[in-house]
């Protein structure tokens, strides 16, 4: 393991000072505005590509995910769209700490980060398909389907307040602390650190991603909502307010899914007039 002395001395500050940490991240972002802008442009392109891929598809809960290859490709683009805005400060700080102006190591860091989320998508696909094979006949929307969706949302809300969520979110909200705590030098180090950061991010966001599946993983509206929640939790200074706000929002939507699903903004209820006819669904 490479010691902390490999990181720039100017960035090794007292981690007890939240102002110092925030200042260092902002300074790094300003110093690497081109890199941050590139990630945001890539996120915008990914949103555009996702919108094209999902045009005309059923955006409701239980939509058929298609073949694994197609879903994996779509999922990678989705993760780039949803995660790049929130991971951009960490990548910018890492780029500054490498003391190099080249793009290779930040690119390796980001690619490794995206690869871990790609693996999560494959696992989610497997879980979804198993549920479809074992319980598909019992998941009609007017039967068990809406209760399953509401239950997933309720679990996501409860996870927001758990110690594990708190620890993972702390890692995501403190790029400097994360980078100094697990610094690895070289290209292999860039790959390892990107994967580690993604692992903490998965621990922080997996429940919100499950909520996205419950509301319609092919829905651009709910993709945008979940992406906004993730970015807010990771970047806004009002951590407790944002977390509690997310919890209340998830519980509210869970209740509405059961008692008044048509009143949930952006929710395409399976079997309704807004649900495209002829599109395969799991919860039908």
C-alpha atoms as a PDB file:
ATOM      1  CA  UNK A   1       0.000   0.000   0.000  1.00  0.00           C
ATOM      2  CA  UNK A   2       1.271   3.438  -0.900  1.00  0.00           C
ATOM      3  CA  UNK A   3       1.332   5.804   2.046  1.00  0.00           C
ATOM      4  CA  UNK A   4      -0.516   9.072   2.288  1.00  0.00           C
ATOM      5  CA  UNK A   5       2.712  10.932   1.601  1.00  0.00           C
ATOM      6  CA  UNK A   6       2.223  10.131  -2.085  1.00  0.00           C
ATOM      7  CA  UNK A   7      -0.698  12.548  -2.196  1.00  0.00           C
ATOM      8  CA  UNK A   8       0.048  16.249  -2.619  1.00  0.00           C
ATOM      9  CA  UNK A   9       0.905  17.811   0.708  1.00  0.00           C
ATOM     10  CA  UNK A  10      -1.252  20.803  -0.102  1.00  0.00           C
ATOM     11  CA  UNK A  11      -4.329  18.585   0.004  1.00  0.00           C
ATOM     12  CA  UNK A  12      -3.526  16.784   3.263  1.00  0.00           C
ATOM     13  CA  UNK A  13      -5.609  18.830   5.676  1.00  0.00           C
ATOM     14  CA  UNK A  14      -7.408  18.315   8.919  1.00  0.00           C
ATOM     15  CA  UNK A  15     -10.357  16.156   7.989  1.00  0.00           C
ATOM     16  CA  UNK A  16     -12.254  17.404  11.020  1.00  0.00           C
ATOM     17  CA  UNK A  17     -12.692  20.709   9.223  1.00  0.00           C
ATOM     18  CA  UNK A  18     -15.655  20.341   6.863  1.00  0.00           C
ATOM     19  CA  UNK A  19     -14.934  23.796   5.474  1.00  0.00           C
ATOM     20  CA  UNK A  20     -11.404  22.739   4.589  1.00  0.00           C
ATOM     21  CA  UNK A  21     -12.633  19.606   2.844  1.00  0.00           C
ATOM     22  CA  UNK A  22     -15.262  21.505   0.886  1.00  0.00           C
ATOM     23  CA  UNK A  23     -12.746  24.173  -0.050  1.00  0.00           C
ATOM     24  CA  UNK A  24     -10.278  21.571  -1.337  1.00  0.00           C
ATOM     25  CA  UNK A  25     -12.929  19.889  -3.494  1.00  0.00           C
ATOM     26  CA  UNK A  26     -14.078  23.217  -4.942  1.00  0.00           C
ATOM     27  CA  UNK A  27     -10.491  24.234  -5.621  1.00  0.00           C
ATOM     28  CA  UNK A  28      -9.842  20.948  -7.404  1.00  0.00           C
ATOM     29  CA  UNK A  29     -13.029  21.346  -9.429  1.00  0.00           C
ATOM     30  CA  UNK A  30     -11.999  24.839 -10.494  1.00  0.00           C
ATOM     31  CA  UNK A  31      -8.517  23.607 -11.372  1.00  0.00           C
ATOM     32  CA  UNK A  32      -9.981  20.829 -13.499  1.00  0.00           C
ATOM     33  CA  UNK A  33     -12.957  22.633 -15.003  1.00  0.00           C
ATOM     34  CA  UNK A  34     -12.263  21.008 -18.354  1.00  0.00           C
ATOM     35  CA  UNK A  35     -12.489  17.522 -16.839  1.00  0.00           C
ATOM     36  CA  UNK A  36     -15.660  18.360 -14.912  1.00  0.00           C
ATOM     37  CA  UNK A  37     -17.175  19.868 -18.059  1.00  0.00           C
ATOM     38  CA  UNK A  38     -16.256  16.741 -20.023  1.00  0.00           C
ATOM     39  CA  UNK A  39     -18.021  14.483 -17.524  1.00  0.00           C
ATOM     40  CA  UNK A  40     -21.108  16.684 -17.574  1.00  0.00           C
ATOM     41  CA  UNK A  41     -21.123  16.709 -21.379  1.00  0.00           C
ATOM     42  CA  UNK A  42     -20.828  12.911 -21.388  1.00  0.00           C
ATOM     43  CA  UNK A  43     -23.731  12.750 -18.927  1.00  0.00           C
ATOM     44  CA  UNK A  44     -25.802  14.982 -21.220  1.00  0.00           C
ATOM     45  CA  UNK A  45     -24.979  12.787 -24.217  1.00  0.00           C
ATOM     46  CA  UNK A  46     -25.923   9.722 -22.170  1.00  0.00           C
ATOM     47  CA  UNK A  47     -29.296  11.280 -21.295  1.00  0.00           C
ATOM     48  CA  UNK A  48     -29.902  12.010 -24.974  1.00  0.00           C
ATOM     49  CA  UNK A  49     -28.926   8.467 -25.955  1.00  0.00           C
ATOM     50  CA  UNK A  50     -31.124   6.997 -23.217  1.00  0.00           C
ATOM     51  CA  UNK A  51     -34.088   9.051 -24.401  1.00  0.00           C
ATOM     52  CA  UNK A  52     -33.583   7.723 -27.939  1.00  0.00           C
ATOM     53  CA  UNK A  53     -33.198   4.115 -26.788  1.00  0.00           C
ATOM     54  CA  UNK A  54     -36.345   4.251 -24.673  1.00  0.00           C
ATOM     55  CA  UNK A  55     -38.525   6.174 -27.105  1.00  0.00           C
ATOM     56  CA  UNK A  56     -41.862   4.392 -27.441  1.00  0.00           C
ATOM     57  CA  UNK A  57     -41.057   1.825 -24.744  1.00  0.00           C
ATOM     58  CA  UNK A  58     -43.370   1.134 -21.844  1.00  0.00           C
ATOM     59  CA  UNK A  59     -42.120   3.182 -18.886  1.00  0.00           C
ATOM     60  CA  UNK A  60     -44.286   1.459 -16.286  1.00  0.00           C
ATOM     61  CA  UNK A  61     -43.300  -0.887 -13.447  1.00  0.00           C
ATOM     62  CA  UNK A  62     -42.562  -4.429 -14.535  1.00  0.00           C
ATOM     63  CA  UNK A  63     -41.606  -3.590 -18.110  1.00  0.00           C
ATOM     64  CA  UNK A  64     -39.847  -6.438 -19.897  1.00  0.00           C
ATOM     65  CA  UNK A  65     -36.109  -5.700 -19.751  1.00  0.00           C
ATOM     66  CA  UNK A  66     -35.368  -7.420 -23.054  1.00  0.00           C
ATOM     67  CA  UNK A  67     -32.253  -9.461 -23.772  1.00  0.00           C
ATOM     68  CA  UNK A  68     -29.359  -9.229 -21.322  1.00  0.00           C
ATOM     69  CA  UNK A  69     -26.997  -7.769 -23.919  1.00  0.00           C
ATOM     70  CA  UNK A  70     -29.384  -4.962 -24.820  1.00  0.00           C
ATOM     71  CA  UNK A  71     -30.191  -4.188 -21.188  1.00  0.00           C
ATOM     72  CA  UNK A  72     -26.511  -4.179 -20.164  1.00  0.00           C
ATOM     73  CA  UNK A  73     -25.704  -1.648 -22.873  1.00  0.00           C
ATOM     74  CA  UNK A  74     -28.664   0.537 -21.949  1.00  0.00           C
ATOM     75  CA  UNK A  75     -27.790   0.274 -18.252  1.00  0.00           C
ATOM     76  CA  UNK A  76     -24.217   1.494 -18.795  1.00  0.00           C
ATOM     77  CA  UNK A  77     -25.519   4.547 -20.616  1.00  0.00           C
ATOM     78  CA  UNK A  78     -28.097   5.124 -17.866  1.00  0.00           C
ATOM     79  CA  UNK A  79     -25.442   4.973 -15.160  1.00  0.00           C
ATOM     80  CA  UNK A  80     -23.269   7.458 -17.029  1.00  0.00           C
ATOM     81  CA  UNK A  81     -26.237   9.798 -17.265  1.00  0.00           C
ATOM     82  CA  UNK A  82     -27.256   9.419 -13.631  1.00  0.00           C
ATOM     83  CA  UNK A  83     -23.892   9.148 -11.854  1.00  0.00           C
ATOM     84  CA  UNK A  84     -21.413  11.339 -13.713  1.00  0.00           C
ATOM     85  CA  UNK A  85     -22.764  14.618 -12.289  1.00  0.00           C
ATOM     86  CA  UNK A  86     -22.324  13.430  -8.694  1.00  0.00           C
ATOM     87  CA  UNK A  87     -18.943  11.714  -9.215  1.00  0.00           C
ATOM     88  CA  UNK A  88     -17.415  14.625 -11.155  1.00  0.00           C
ATOM     89  CA  UNK A  89     -16.017  16.398  -8.018  1.00  0.00           C
ATOM     90  CA  UNK A  90     -14.271  13.209  -6.889  1.00  0.00           C
ATOM     91  CA  UNK A  91     -12.738  12.628 -10.320  1.00  0.00           C
ATOM     92  CA  UNK A  92     -11.593  16.255 -10.462  1.00  0.00           C
ATOM     93  CA  UNK A  93      -9.966  15.997  -7.036  1.00  0.00           C
ATOM     94  CA  UNK A  94      -8.302  12.719  -7.988  1.00  0.00           C
ATOM     95  CA  UNK A  95      -6.960  14.280 -11.184  1.00  0.00           C
ATOM     96  CA  UNK A  96      -5.412  17.083  -9.155  1.00  0.00           C
ATOM     97  CA  UNK A  97      -3.888  14.703  -6.633  1.00  0.00           C
ATOM     98  CA  UNK A  98      -2.134  12.685  -9.340  1.00  0.00           C
ATOM     99  CA  UNK A  99      -0.034  15.796 -10.089  1.00  0.00           C
ATOM    100  CA  UNK A 100      -0.456  15.059 -13.767  1.00  0.00           C
ATOM    101  CA  UNK A 101      -2.379  16.905 -16.448  1.00  0.00           C
ATOM    102  CA  UNK A 102      -3.028  13.804 -18.525  1.00  0.00           C
ATOM    103  CA  UNK A 103      -6.497  12.332 -18.842  1.00  0.00           C
ATOM    104  CA  UNK A 104      -5.494   8.648 -18.647  1.00  0.00           C
ATOM    105  CA  UNK A 105      -5.677   8.068 -14.893  1.00  0.00           C
ATOM    106  CA  UNK A 106      -8.930   9.972 -14.363  1.00  0.00           C
ATOM    107  CA  UNK A 107     -10.328   8.042 -17.338  1.00  0.00           C
ATOM    108  CA  UNK A 108      -9.273   4.736 -15.766  1.00  0.00           C
ATOM    109  CA  UNK A 109     -10.783   5.802 -12.431  1.00  0.00           C
ATOM    110  CA  UNK A 110     -14.085   6.699 -14.113  1.00  0.00           C
ATOM    111  CA  UNK A 111     -14.142   3.567 -16.286  1.00  0.00           C
ATOM    112  CA  UNK A 112     -13.594   1.335 -13.265  1.00  0.00           C
ATOM    113  CA  UNK A 113     -16.347   3.171 -11.415  1.00  0.00           C
ATOM    114  CA  UNK A 114     -18.731   2.608 -14.317  1.00  0.00           C
ATOM    115  CA  UNK A 115     -17.716  -1.056 -14.627  1.00  0.00           C
ATOM    116  CA  UNK A 116     -18.793  -1.768 -11.048  1.00  0.00           C
ATOM    117  CA  UNK A 117     -22.166  -0.165 -11.688  1.00  0.00           C
ATOM    118  CA  UNK A 118     -22.426  -2.249 -14.864  1.00  0.00           C
ATOM    119  CA  UNK A 119     -21.982  -5.402 -12.772  1.00  0.00           C
ATOM    120  CA  UNK A 120     -24.736  -4.171 -10.460  1.00  0.00           C
ATOM    121  CA  UNK A 121     -27.009  -3.856 -13.482  1.00  0.00           C
ATOM    122  CA  UNK A 122     -26.341  -7.455 -14.493  1.00  0.00           C
ATOM    123  CA  UNK A 123     -27.170  -8.637 -10.964  1.00  0.00           C
ATOM    124  CA  UNK A 124     -30.354  -6.551 -10.951  1.00  0.00           C
ATOM    125  CA  UNK A 125     -31.332  -8.067 -14.293  1.00  0.00           C
ATOM    126  CA  UNK A 126     -30.861 -11.565 -12.877  1.00  0.00           C
ATOM    127  CA  UNK A 127     -32.939 -10.826  -9.778  1.00  0.00           C
ATOM    128  CA  UNK A 128     -35.679  -9.262 -11.900  1.00  0.00           C
ATOM    129  CA  UNK A 129     -35.836 -12.215 -14.289  1.00  0.00           C
ATOM    130  CA  UNK A 130     -35.858 -14.743 -11.435  1.00  0.00           C
ATOM    131  CA  UNK A 131     -38.738 -12.893  -9.812  1.00  0.00           C
ATOM    132  CA  UNK A 132     -40.538 -12.895 -13.124  1.00  0.00           C
ATOM    133  CA  UNK A 133     -40.015 -16.648 -13.586  1.00  0.00           C
ATOM    134  CA  UNK A 134     -41.011 -17.624 -10.049  1.00  0.00           C
ATOM    135  CA  UNK A 135     -43.775 -15.162  -9.192  1.00  0.00           C
ATOM    136  CA  UNK A 136     -44.811 -13.572 -12.483  1.00  0.00           C
ATOM    137  CA  UNK A 137     -48.345 -14.987 -12.404  1.00  0.00           C
ATOM    138  CA  UNK A 138     -48.941 -13.475  -8.963  1.00  0.00           C
ATOM    139  CA  UNK A 139     -47.709  -9.988  -9.785  1.00  0.00           C
ATOM    140  CA  UNK A 140     -50.672  -8.492 -11.601  1.00  0.00           C
ATOM    141  CA  UNK A 141     -50.721  -4.771 -10.908  1.00  0.00           C
ATOM    142  CA  UNK A 142     -54.232  -4.904  -9.436  1.00  0.00           C
ATOM    143  CA  UNK A 143     -53.170  -7.850  -7.284  1.00  0.00           C
ATOM    144  CA  UNK A 144     -49.729  -8.214  -5.780  1.00  0.00           C
ATOM    145  CA  UNK A 145     -47.830  -5.981  -8.205  1.00  0.00           C
ATOM    146  CA  UNK A 146     -48.617  -2.643  -6.615  1.00  0.00           C
ATOM    147  CA  UNK A 147     -47.906  -4.049  -3.147  1.00  0.00           C
ATOM    148  CA  UNK A 148     -44.512  -5.302  -4.275  1.00  0.00           C
ATOM    149  CA  UNK A 149     -43.703  -1.895  -5.765  1.00  0.00           C
ATOM    150  CA  UNK A 150     -44.855  -0.126  -2.601  1.00  0.00           C
ATOM    151  CA  UNK A 151     -42.858  -2.544  -0.458  1.00  0.00           C
ATOM    152  CA  UNK A 152     -39.672  -1.872  -2.422  1.00  0.00           C
ATOM    153  CA  UNK A 153     -40.223   1.880  -2.011  1.00  0.00           C
ATOM    154  CA  UNK A 154     -40.817   1.458   1.723  1.00  0.00           C
ATOM    155  CA  UNK A 155     -37.597  -0.578   2.084  1.00  0.00           C
ATOM    156  CA  UNK A 156     -35.730   2.113   0.168  1.00  0.00           C
ATOM    157  CA  UNK A 157     -37.122   4.733   2.541  1.00  0.00           C
ATOM    158  CA  UNK A 158     -36.143   2.720   5.617  1.00  0.00           C
ATOM    159  CA  UNK A 159     -32.610   2.169   4.274  1.00  0.00           C
ATOM    160  CA  UNK A 160     -32.103   5.941   4.083  1.00  0.00           C
ATOM    161  CA  UNK A 161     -31.970   6.020   7.896  1.00  0.00           C
ATOM    162  CA  UNK A 162     -29.712   3.007   8.507  1.00  0.00           C
ATOM    163  CA  UNK A 163     -26.113   3.185   9.802  1.00  0.00           C
ATOM    164  CA  UNK A 164     -24.834   1.484   6.623  1.00  0.00           C
ATOM    165  CA  UNK A 165     -26.392   4.172   4.439  1.00  0.00           C
ATOM    166  CA  UNK A 166     -24.877   6.814   6.709  1.00  0.00           C
ATOM    167  CA  UNK A 167     -21.374   5.342   6.425  1.00  0.00           C
ATOM    168  CA  UNK A 168     -21.547   4.892   2.643  1.00  0.00           C
ATOM    169  CA  UNK A 169     -22.967   8.355   2.098  1.00  0.00           C
ATOM    170  CA  UNK A 170     -20.203   9.849   4.245  1.00  0.00           C
ATOM    171  CA  UNK A 171     -17.616   8.292   1.932  1.00  0.00           C
ATOM    172  CA  UNK A 172     -19.397   9.672  -1.130  1.00  0.00           C
ATOM    173  CA  UNK A 173     -19.751  13.139   0.400  1.00  0.00           C
ATOM    174  CA  UNK A 174     -16.082  13.365   1.380  1.00  0.00           C
ATOM    175  CA  UNK A 175     -13.996  12.811  -1.769  1.00  0.00           C
ATOM    176  CA  UNK A 176     -10.836  14.006  -0.049  1.00  0.00           C
ATOM    177  CA  UNK A 177     -11.248  11.675   2.905  1.00  0.00           C
ATOM    178  CA  UNK A 178     -11.939   8.736   0.591  1.00  0.00           C
ATOM    179  CA  UNK A 179      -8.964   9.412  -1.672  1.00  0.00           C
ATOM    180  CA  UNK A 180      -6.506   9.955   1.174  1.00  0.00           C
ATOM    181  CA  UNK A 181      -7.796   6.900   3.016  1.00  0.00           C
ATOM    182  CA  UNK A 182      -7.324   4.425   0.160  1.00  0.00           C
ATOM    183  CA  UNK A 183      -4.704   6.066  -2.059  1.00  0.00           C
ATOM    184  CA  UNK A 184      -3.077   3.796  -4.629  1.00  0.00           C
ATOM    185  CA  UNK A 185      -0.526   5.054  -7.125  1.00  0.00           C
ATOM    186  CA  UNK A 186      -0.235   4.275 -10.813  1.00  0.00           C
ATOM    187  CA  UNK A 187      -2.688   3.067 -13.402  1.00  0.00           C
ATOM    188  CA  UNK A 188      -3.617  -0.035 -11.433  1.00  0.00           C
ATOM    189  CA  UNK A 189      -4.226   2.237  -8.472  1.00  0.00           C
ATOM    190  CA  UNK A 190      -6.590   4.361 -10.553  1.00  0.00           C
ATOM    191  CA  UNK A 191      -8.613   1.277 -11.448  1.00  0.00           C
ATOM    192  CA  UNK A 192      -8.696   0.042  -7.856  1.00  0.00           C
ATOM    193  CA  UNK A 193      -9.700   3.391  -6.416  1.00  0.00           C
ATOM    194  CA  UNK A 194     -12.433   3.863  -8.994  1.00  0.00           C
ATOM    195  CA  UNK A 195     -13.839   0.439  -8.135  1.00  0.00           C
ATOM    196  CA  UNK A 196     -13.659   1.155  -4.399  1.00  0.00           C
ATOM    197  CA  UNK A 197     -15.434   4.453  -4.792  1.00  0.00           C
ATOM    198  CA  UNK A 198     -18.123   2.741  -6.869  1.00  0.00           C
ATOM    199  CA  UNK A 199     -18.550   0.111  -4.141  1.00  0.00           C
ATOM    200  CA  UNK A 200     -19.254   2.827  -1.571  1.00  0.00           C
ATOM    201  CA  UNK A 201     -21.595   4.446  -4.074  1.00  0.00           C
ATOM    202  CA  UNK A 202     -23.476   1.188  -4.572  1.00  0.00           C
ATOM    203  CA  UNK A 203     -23.831   0.889  -0.803  1.00  0.00           C
ATOM    204  CA  UNK A 204     -25.223   4.394  -0.735  1.00  0.00           C
ATOM    205  CA  UNK A 205     -27.566   4.192  -3.736  1.00  0.00           C
ATOM    206  CA  UNK A 206     -28.672   0.586  -4.277  1.00  0.00           C
ATOM    207  CA  UNK A 207     -32.028   1.156  -2.557  1.00  0.00           C
ATOM    208  CA  UNK A 208     -32.763   4.211  -4.694  1.00  0.00           C
ATOM    209  CA  UNK A 209     -31.979   2.117  -7.760  1.00  0.00           C
ATOM    210  CA  UNK A 210     -34.377  -0.551  -6.496  1.00  0.00           C
ATOM    211  CA  UNK A 211     -36.989   2.202  -6.144  1.00  0.00           C
ATOM    212  CA  UNK A 212     -36.348   3.095  -9.787  1.00  0.00           C
ATOM    213  CA  UNK A 213     -37.137  -0.502 -10.797  1.00  0.00           C
ATOM    214  CA  UNK A 214     -40.326  -0.345  -8.713  1.00  0.00           C
ATOM    215  CA  UNK A 215     -41.477   2.830 -10.462  1.00  0.00           C
ATOM    216  CA  UNK A 216     -40.331   1.912 -13.964  1.00  0.00           C
ATOM    217  CA  UNK A 217     -36.677   1.462 -14.845  1.00  0.00           C
ATOM    218  CA  UNK A 218     -37.369   2.597 -18.408  1.00  0.00           C
ATOM    219  CA  UNK A 219     -39.025   5.820 -17.268  1.00  0.00           C
ATOM    220  CA  UNK A 220     -37.000   8.934 -18.065  1.00  0.00           C
ATOM    221  CA  UNK A 221     -39.058  10.867 -15.522  1.00  0.00           C
ATOM    222  CA  UNK A 222     -38.156   8.575 -12.653  1.00  0.00           C
ATOM    223  CA  UNK A 223     -34.577   8.242 -13.860  1.00  0.00           C
ATOM    224  CA  UNK A 224     -34.288  12.023 -13.580  1.00  0.00           C
ATOM    225  CA  UNK A 225     -35.926  12.057 -10.138  1.00  0.00           C
ATOM    226  CA  UNK A 226     -33.648   9.338  -8.746  1.00  0.00           C
ATOM    227  CA  UNK A 227     -30.568  10.939 -10.315  1.00  0.00           C
ATOM    228  CA  UNK A 228     -31.515  14.266  -8.726  1.00  0.00           C
ATOM    229  CA  UNK A 229     -31.937  12.634  -5.316  1.00  0.00           C
ATOM    230  CA  UNK A 230     -28.555  10.896  -5.608  1.00  0.00           C
ATOM    231  CA  UNK A 231     -26.787  14.094  -6.636  1.00  0.00           C
ATOM    232  CA  UNK A 232     -28.488  16.091  -3.872  1.00  0.00           C
ATOM    233  CA  UNK A 233     -27.550  13.580  -1.185  1.00  0.00           C
ATOM    234  CA  UNK A 234     -23.928  13.502  -2.295  1.00  0.00           C
ATOM    235  CA  UNK A 235     -23.306  17.179  -2.938  1.00  0.00           C
ATOM    236  CA  UNK A 236     -25.675  19.513  -1.106  1.00  0.00           C
ATOM    237  CA  UNK A 237     -24.487  20.810   2.290  1.00  0.00           C
ATOM    238  CA  UNK A 238     -27.809  20.066   4.053  1.00  0.00           C
ATOM    239  CA  UNK A 239     -27.161  16.358   4.428  1.00  0.00           C
ATOM    240  CA  UNK A 240     -29.714  15.541   7.128  1.00  0.00           C
ATOM    241  CA  UNK A 241     -32.436  17.595   5.479  1.00  0.00           C
ATOM    242  CA  UNK A 242     -31.883  15.933   2.101  1.00  0.00           C
ATOM    243  CA  UNK A 243     -31.840  12.414   3.565  1.00  0.00           C
ATOM    244  CA  UNK A 244     -35.011  12.956   5.581  1.00  0.00           C
ATOM    245  CA  UNK A 245     -36.647  14.631   2.599  1.00  0.00           C
ATOM    246  CA  UNK A 246     -35.822  11.607   0.439  1.00  0.00           C
ATOM    247  CA  UNK A 247     -37.217   9.281   3.111  1.00  0.00           C
ATOM    248  CA  UNK A 248     -40.506  11.165   3.337  1.00  0.00           C
ATOM    249  CA  UNK A 249     -40.804  11.347  -0.448  1.00  0.00           C
ATOM    250  CA  UNK A 250     -40.275   7.599  -0.850  1.00  0.00           C
ATOM    251  CA  UNK A 251     -42.819   6.767   1.862  1.00  0.00           C
ATOM    252  CA  UNK A 252     -45.354   9.148   0.336  1.00  0.00           C
ATOM    253  CA  UNK A 253     -44.987   7.611  -3.120  1.00  0.00           C
ATOM    254  CA  UNK A 254     -45.190   4.102  -1.593  1.00  0.00           C
ATOM    255  CA  UNK A 255     -48.522   4.943   0.010  1.00  0.00           C
ATOM    256  CA  UNK A 256     -49.878   6.537  -3.166  1.00  0.00           C
ATOM    257  CA  UNK A 257     -48.841   3.530  -5.275  1.00  0.00           C
ATOM    258  CA  UNK A 258     -51.178   1.402  -3.143  1.00  0.00           C
ATOM    259  CA  UNK A 259     -54.160   3.718  -2.651  1.00  0.00           C
ATOM    260  CA  UNK A 260     -54.044   6.056  -5.659  1.00  0.00           C
ATOM    261  CA  UNK A 261     -51.418   5.032  -8.254  1.00  0.00           C
ATOM    262  CA  UNK A 262     -52.929   7.245 -10.961  1.00  0.00           C
ATOM    263  CA  UNK A 263     -52.194  10.301  -8.805  1.00  0.00           C
ATOM    264  CA  UNK A 264     -48.437   9.648  -8.766  1.00  0.00           C
ATOM    265  CA  UNK A 265     -46.833  12.097 -11.228  1.00  0.00           C
ATOM    266  CA  UNK A 266     -44.926  10.351 -13.995  1.00  0.00           C
ATOM    267  CA  UNK A 267     -46.047   6.841 -13.031  1.00  0.00           C
ATOM    268  CA  UNK A 268     -47.288   4.770 -15.965  1.00  0.00           C
ATOM    269  CA  UNK A 269     -49.746   2.354 -14.390  1.00  0.00           C
ATOM    270  CA  UNK A 270     -49.713  -1.054 -16.133  1.00  0.00           C
ATOM    271  CA  UNK A 271     -52.927  -1.656 -18.062  1.00  0.00           C
ATOM    272  CA  UNK A 272     -53.893   2.021 -18.104  1.00  0.00           C
ATOM    273  CA  UNK A 273     -54.457   4.178 -21.176  1.00  0.00           C
ATOM    274  CA  UNK A 274     -50.926   5.567 -20.749  1.00  0.00           C
ATOM    275  CA  UNK A 275     -49.407   2.097 -20.914  1.00  0.00           C
ATOM    276  CA  UNK A 276     -48.545   1.310 -24.566  1.00  0.00           C
ATOM    277  CA  UNK A 277     -50.543  -1.615 -25.846  1.00  0.00           C
ATOM    278  CA  UNK A 278     -48.600  -4.575 -27.037  1.00  0.00           C
ATOM    279  CA  UNK A 279     -45.558  -3.883 -24.889  1.00  0.00           C
ATOM    280  CA  UNK A 280     -44.614  -6.872 -22.770  1.00  0.00           C
ATOM    281  CA  UNK A 281     -44.805  -6.381 -19.009  1.00  0.00           C
ATOM    282  CA  UNK A 282     -43.979  -8.526 -16.033  1.00  0.00           C
ATOM    283  CA  UNK A 283     -46.752  -7.026 -13.885  1.00  0.00           C
ATOM    284  CA  UNK A 284     -49.656  -7.441 -16.240  1.00  0.00           C
END
